[in-house]
Amino acid sequence: MSTQGSSSGAERARESFASILSYYQNHVPSEEAPEFVKRASSGEIPIGVAKGAVPSAEQGEELKKALKLAMETQDALANLSAAEKEIMSQAANASLRKRSGEK
């Protein structure tokens, strides 16, 4: 890793953190601000990972499958003709009308 790259990354991190602090200082009453904002003047930035935030290998695979399916669906919708989109809209509206009539 180059010194310039890590310095640039550190600079971006500082700017991002400063932006977050600025937001809280300008838009949130001090008593409602998170603890890290209140302690920012100490010069220490606590860094941690929330327990359970990292998905298991099985969850990761499920998420990959869901993402792949979502991307395939998005691609399919993007490739529909105007006539196909109109037919789908009409079918969806008919379904909504039918369901609202059943209640």
N, C-alpha and C. Protein backbone atom coordinates (compact mmCIF):
# COMPACT_ATOMS: atom_id res chain seq x y z
N MET A 1 0.86 -1.18 0.00
CA MET A 1 0.00 0.00 0.00
C MET A 1 0.89 1.23 0.00
N SER A 2 0.63 2.15 -0.86
CA SER A 2 1.47 3.34 -0.95
C SER A 2 1.11 4.33 0.14
N THR A 3 2.08 5.13 0.51
CA THR A 3 1.86 6.14 1.54
C THR A 3 0.85 7.17 1.06
N GLN A 4 0.95 7.53 -0.22
CA GLN A 4 0.03 8.52 -0.76
C GLN A 4 -1.40 8.00 -0.74
N GLY A 5 -1.61 6.74 -1.10
CA GLY A 5 -2.94 6.16 -1.11
C GLY A 5 -3.55 6.12 0.27
N SER A 6 -2.77 5.68 1.26
CA SER A 6 -3.31 5.61 2.62
C SER A 6 -3.51 7.00 3.19
N SER A 7 -2.64 7.94 2.82
CA SER A 7 -2.81 9.31 3.27
C SER A 7 -4.08 9.89 2.68
N SER A 8 -4.33 9.60 1.41
CA SER A 8 -5.54 10.07 0.75
C SER A 8 -6.77 9.46 1.40
N GLY A 9 -6.71 8.18 1.73
CA GLY A 9 -7.81 7.51 2.41
C GLY A 9 -8.06 8.10 3.78
N ALA A 10 -6.98 8.38 4.49
CA ALA A 10 -7.10 8.98 5.82
C ALA A 10 -7.70 10.38 5.71
N GLU A 11 -7.29 11.09 4.69
CA GLU A 11 -7.83 12.44 4.47
C GLU A 11 -9.33 12.39 4.20
N ARG A 12 -9.74 11.45 3.35
CA ARG A 12 -11.18 11.31 3.06
C ARG A 12 -11.95 10.91 4.32
N ALA A 13 -11.36 10.04 5.12
CA ALA A 13 -12.01 9.62 6.36
C ALA A 13 -12.17 10.80 7.31
N ARG A 14 -11.12 11.62 7.42
CA ARG A 14 -11.20 12.82 8.28
C ARG A 14 -12.28 13.77 7.79
N GLU A 15 -12.32 13.98 6.47
CA GLU A 15 -13.33 14.88 5.90
C GLU A 15 -14.74 14.35 6.13
N SER A 16 -14.92 13.05 5.97
CA SER A 16 -16.23 12.45 6.20
C SER A 16 -16.64 12.59 7.65
N PHE A 17 -15.71 12.31 8.56
CA PHE A 17 -16.01 12.41 9.99
C PHE A 17 -16.31 13.86 10.36
N ALA A 18 -15.54 14.79 9.80
CA ALA A 18 -15.78 16.21 10.07
C ALA A 18 -17.16 16.62 9.57
N SER A 19 -17.57 16.08 8.43
CA SER A 19 -18.88 16.39 7.89
C SER A 19 -19.99 15.86 8.80
N ILE A 20 -19.80 14.66 9.32
CA ILE A 20 -20.78 14.07 10.25
C ILE A 20 -20.86 14.91 11.52
N LEU A 21 -19.71 15.28 12.07
CA LEU A 21 -19.70 16.11 13.28
C LEU A 21 -20.39 17.44 13.03
N SER A 22 -20.09 18.04 11.89
CA SER A 22 -20.69 19.33 11.54
C SER A 22 -22.20 19.21 11.47
N TYR A 23 -22.68 18.13 10.87
CA TYR A 23 -24.13 17.93 10.78
C TYR A 23 -24.74 17.90 12.18
N TYR A 24 -24.19 17.07 13.05
CA TYR A 24 -24.75 16.95 14.40
C TYR A 24 -24.67 18.28 15.15
N GLN A 25 -23.57 18.98 15.00
CA GLN A 25 -23.41 20.25 15.71
C GLN A 25 -24.40 21.30 15.21
N ASN A 26 -24.74 21.26 13.93
CA ASN A 26 -25.61 22.27 13.35
C ASN A 26 -27.10 21.91 13.33
N HIS A 27 -27.42 20.62 13.44
CA HIS A 27 -28.81 20.20 13.24
C HIS A 27 -29.42 19.41 14.39
N VAL A 28 -28.62 18.95 15.33
CA VAL A 28 -29.14 18.10 16.40
C VAL A 28 -28.77 18.71 17.75
N PRO A 29 -29.75 18.84 18.65
CA PRO A 29 -29.42 19.36 19.99
C PRO A 29 -28.35 18.48 20.65
N SER A 30 -27.44 19.10 21.38
CA SER A 30 -26.30 18.37 21.94
C SER A 30 -26.72 17.21 22.83
N GLU A 31 -27.84 17.34 23.55
CA GLU A 31 -28.26 16.23 24.42
C GLU A 31 -28.79 15.03 23.63
N GLU A 32 -29.15 15.24 22.36
CA GLU A 32 -29.64 14.14 21.52
C GLU A 32 -28.55 13.55 20.62
N ALA A 33 -27.40 14.17 20.59
CA ALA A 33 -26.31 13.70 19.72
C ALA A 33 -25.71 12.41 20.28
N PRO A 34 -25.21 11.54 19.40
CA PRO A 34 -24.56 10.32 19.86
C PRO A 34 -23.33 10.63 20.71
N GLU A 35 -22.94 9.67 21.51
CA GLU A 35 -21.82 9.87 22.43
C GLU A 35 -20.52 10.21 21.70
N PHE A 36 -20.28 9.61 20.52
CA PHE A 36 -19.03 9.89 19.81
C PHE A 36 -18.93 11.35 19.39
N VAL A 37 -20.08 11.99 19.17
CA VAL A 37 -20.06 13.41 18.79
C VAL A 37 -19.70 14.25 20.01
N LYS A 38 -20.20 13.87 21.15
CA LYS A 38 -19.92 14.62 22.38
C LYS A 38 -18.45 14.51 22.77
N ARG A 39 -17.81 13.36 22.45
CA ARG A 39 -16.41 13.15 22.82
C ARG A 39 -15.43 13.53 21.71
N ALA A 40 -15.91 14.06 20.60
CA ALA A 40 -15.04 14.34 19.45
C ALA A 40 -13.94 15.33 19.78
N SER A 41 -14.19 16.23 20.71
CA SER A 41 -13.17 17.23 21.04
C SER A 41 -11.96 16.60 21.73
N SER A 42 -12.08 15.35 22.19
CA SER A 42 -10.94 14.69 22.84
C SER A 42 -9.89 14.29 21.82
N GLY A 43 -10.25 14.26 20.54
CA GLY A 43 -9.30 13.88 19.50
C GLY A 43 -9.26 12.39 19.26
N GLU A 44 -10.03 11.62 20.02
CA GLU A 44 -10.07 10.17 19.85
C GLU A 44 -11.35 9.79 19.12
N ILE A 45 -11.22 8.91 18.16
CA ILE A 45 -12.37 8.45 17.41
C ILE A 45 -12.54 6.96 17.69
N PRO A 46 -13.59 6.57 18.41
CA PRO A 46 -13.80 5.15 18.67
C PRO A 46 -14.26 4.43 17.40
N ILE A 47 -13.66 3.29 17.12
CA ILE A 47 -14.02 2.52 15.94
C ILE A 47 -14.37 1.12 16.42
N GLY A 48 -15.47 0.60 15.94
CA GLY A 48 -15.88 -0.75 16.34
C GLY A 48 -16.84 -1.34 15.34
N VAL A 49 -17.07 -2.62 15.49
CA VAL A 49 -18.00 -3.33 14.64
C VAL A 49 -19.14 -3.83 15.52
N ALA A 50 -20.34 -3.57 15.10
CA ALA A 50 -21.49 -4.03 15.86
C ALA A 50 -21.57 -5.55 15.78
N LYS A 51 -21.85 -6.17 16.91
CA LYS A 51 -21.94 -7.62 16.96
C LYS A 51 -23.07 -8.08 16.05
N GLY A 52 -22.79 -9.09 15.26
CA GLY A 52 -23.80 -9.62 14.38
C GLY A 52 -23.97 -8.87 13.07
N ALA A 53 -23.15 -7.85 12.83
CA ALA A 53 -23.30 -7.05 11.62
C ALA A 53 -22.77 -7.77 10.39
N VAL A 54 -21.88 -8.73 10.57
CA VAL A 54 -21.29 -9.44 9.44
C VAL A 54 -22.13 -10.70 9.19
N PRO A 55 -22.64 -10.86 7.97
CA PRO A 55 -23.47 -12.04 7.70
C PRO A 55 -22.64 -13.32 7.70
N SER A 56 -23.29 -14.43 8.04
CA SER A 56 -22.62 -15.72 7.98
C SER A 56 -22.39 -16.08 6.52
N ALA A 57 -21.61 -17.13 6.29
CA ALA A 57 -21.35 -17.57 4.91
C ALA A 57 -22.65 -17.96 4.22
N GLU A 58 -23.54 -18.63 4.95
CA GLU A 58 -24.83 -19.03 4.39
C GLU A 58 -25.68 -17.81 4.05
N GLN A 59 -25.71 -16.84 4.95
CA GLN A 59 -26.46 -15.62 4.69
C GLN A 59 -25.87 -14.87 3.50
N GLY A 60 -24.54 -14.87 3.41
CA GLY A 60 -23.88 -14.22 2.29
C GLY A 60 -24.29 -14.83 0.96
N GLU A 61 -24.37 -16.16 0.92
CA GLU A 61 -24.79 -16.84 -0.31
C GLU A 61 -26.24 -16.50 -0.65
N GLU A 62 -27.09 -16.46 0.38
CA GLU A 62 -28.50 -16.11 0.15
C GLU A 62 -28.61 -14.67 -0.37
N LEU A 63 -27.81 -13.78 0.19
CA LEU A 63 -27.83 -12.39 -0.26
C LEU A 63 -27.33 -12.26 -1.70
N LYS A 64 -26.31 -13.04 -2.05
CA LYS A 64 -25.81 -13.03 -3.43
C LYS A 64 -26.89 -13.49 -4.40
N LYS A 65 -27.61 -14.55 -4.01
CA LYS A 65 -28.69 -15.06 -4.88
C LYS A 65 -29.79 -14.02 -5.03
N ALA A 66 -30.15 -13.38 -3.93
CA ALA A 66 -31.21 -12.36 -3.98
C ALA A 66 -30.78 -11.19 -4.84
N LEU A 67 -29.51 -10.79 -4.72
CA LEU A 67 -29.00 -9.69 -5.54
C LEU A 67 -28.99 -10.06 -7.01
N LYS A 68 -28.56 -11.29 -7.31
CA LYS A 68 -28.54 -11.74 -8.71
C LYS A 68 -29.95 -11.73 -9.29
N LEU A 69 -30.92 -12.22 -8.53
CA LEU A 69 -32.30 -12.23 -8.99
C LEU A 69 -32.83 -10.81 -9.20
N ALA A 70 -32.51 -9.92 -8.28
CA ALA A 70 -32.95 -8.52 -8.41
C ALA A 70 -32.34 -7.87 -9.65
N MET A 71 -31.06 -8.15 -9.90
CA MET A 71 -30.40 -7.57 -11.08
C MET A 71 -30.99 -8.14 -12.37
N GLU A 72 -31.30 -9.45 -12.38
CA GLU A 72 -31.91 -10.05 -13.56
C GLU A 72 -33.29 -9.44 -13.82
N THR A 73 -34.04 -9.24 -12.74
CA THR A 73 -35.37 -8.63 -12.87
C THR A 73 -35.25 -7.21 -13.40
N GLN A 74 -34.30 -6.46 -12.86
CA GLN A 74 -34.09 -5.08 -13.30
C GLN A 74 -33.71 -5.04 -14.78
N ASP A 75 -32.83 -5.95 -15.20
CA ASP A 75 -32.44 -6.01 -16.61
C ASP A 75 -33.63 -6.37 -17.49
N ALA A 76 -34.44 -7.33 -17.05
CA ALA A 76 -35.61 -7.74 -17.84
C ALA A 76 -36.58 -6.58 -17.99
N LEU A 77 -36.83 -5.85 -16.91
CA LEU A 77 -37.74 -4.70 -16.98
C LEU A 77 -37.19 -3.61 -17.90
N ALA A 78 -35.89 -3.41 -17.86
CA ALA A 78 -35.29 -2.37 -18.69
C ALA A 78 -35.40 -2.71 -20.18
N ASN A 79 -35.49 -4.01 -20.49
CA ASN A 79 -35.54 -4.43 -21.89
C ASN A 79 -36.95 -4.63 -22.43
N LEU A 80 -37.97 -4.31 -21.63
CA LEU A 80 -39.35 -4.43 -22.10
C LEU A 80 -39.69 -3.32 -23.09
N SER A 81 -40.51 -3.67 -24.05
CA SER A 81 -40.99 -2.65 -24.99
C SER A 81 -42.07 -1.82 -24.31
N ALA A 82 -42.41 -0.70 -24.91
CA ALA A 82 -43.46 0.17 -24.35
C ALA A 82 -44.79 -0.58 -24.29
N ALA A 83 -45.08 -1.38 -25.31
CA ALA A 83 -46.33 -2.14 -25.34
C ALA A 83 -46.37 -3.16 -24.20
N GLU A 84 -45.24 -3.85 -23.97
CA GLU A 84 -45.18 -4.83 -22.88
C GLU A 84 -45.34 -4.15 -21.52
N LYS A 85 -44.73 -2.99 -21.35
CA LYS A 85 -44.88 -2.25 -20.09
C LYS A 85 -46.33 -1.83 -19.87
N GLU A 86 -47.00 -1.41 -20.93
CA GLU A 86 -48.41 -1.01 -20.83
C GLU A 86 -49.28 -2.20 -20.44
N ILE A 87 -49.05 -3.35 -21.05
CA ILE A 87 -49.82 -4.56 -20.72
C ILE A 87 -49.60 -4.94 -19.26
N MET A 88 -48.36 -4.88 -18.79
CA MET A 88 -48.06 -5.21 -17.39
C MET A 88 -48.73 -4.22 -16.45
N SER A 89 -48.72 -2.95 -16.79
CA SER A 89 -49.36 -1.93 -15.96
C SER A 89 -50.86 -2.17 -15.87
N GLN A 90 -51.48 -2.49 -17.00
CA GLN A 90 -52.91 -2.76 -17.01
C GLN A 90 -53.24 -3.98 -16.16
N ALA A 91 -52.43 -5.02 -16.26
CA ALA A 91 -52.65 -6.23 -15.46
C ALA A 91 -52.51 -5.93 -13.97
N ALA A 92 -51.50 -5.15 -13.62
CA ALA A 92 -51.29 -4.80 -12.21
C ALA A 92 -52.45 -3.97 -11.68
N ASN A 93 -52.91 -3.01 -12.48
CA ASN A 93 -54.04 -2.17 -12.06
C ASN A 93 -55.32 -3.00 -11.92
N ALA A 94 -55.54 -3.94 -12.83
CA ALA A 94 -56.72 -4.81 -12.74
C ALA A 94 -56.65 -5.65 -11.47
N SER A 95 -55.47 -6.15 -11.16
CA SER A 95 -55.29 -6.94 -9.94
C SER A 95 -55.56 -6.11 -8.70
N LEU A 96 -55.07 -4.87 -8.70
CA LEU A 96 -55.31 -3.98 -7.55
C LEU A 96 -56.80 -3.69 -7.39
N ARG A 97 -57.47 -3.44 -8.50
CA ARG A 97 -58.91 -3.17 -8.44
C ARG A 97 -59.66 -4.38 -7.90
N LYS A 98 -59.28 -5.56 -8.36
CA LYS A 98 -59.93 -6.79 -7.92
C LYS A 98 -59.72 -7.00 -6.42
N ARG A 99 -58.48 -6.82 -5.96
CA ARG A 99 -58.19 -7.02 -4.53
C ARG A 99 -58.88 -5.99 -3.66
N SER A 100 -58.95 -4.75 -4.12
CA SER A 100 -59.61 -3.72 -3.31
C SER A 100 -61.12 -3.96 -3.27
N GLY A 101 -61.68 -4.60 -4.29
CA GLY A 101 -63.10 -4.92 -4.32
C GLY A 101 -63.45 -6.10 -3.42
N GLU A 102 -62.46 -6.96 -3.14
CA GLU A 102 -62.69 -8.13 -2.30
C GLU A 102 -62.74 -7.79 -0.82
N LYS A 103 -62.22 -6.65 -0.43
CA LYS A 103 -62.15 -6.29 1.00
C LYS A 103 -63.45 -5.79 1.51
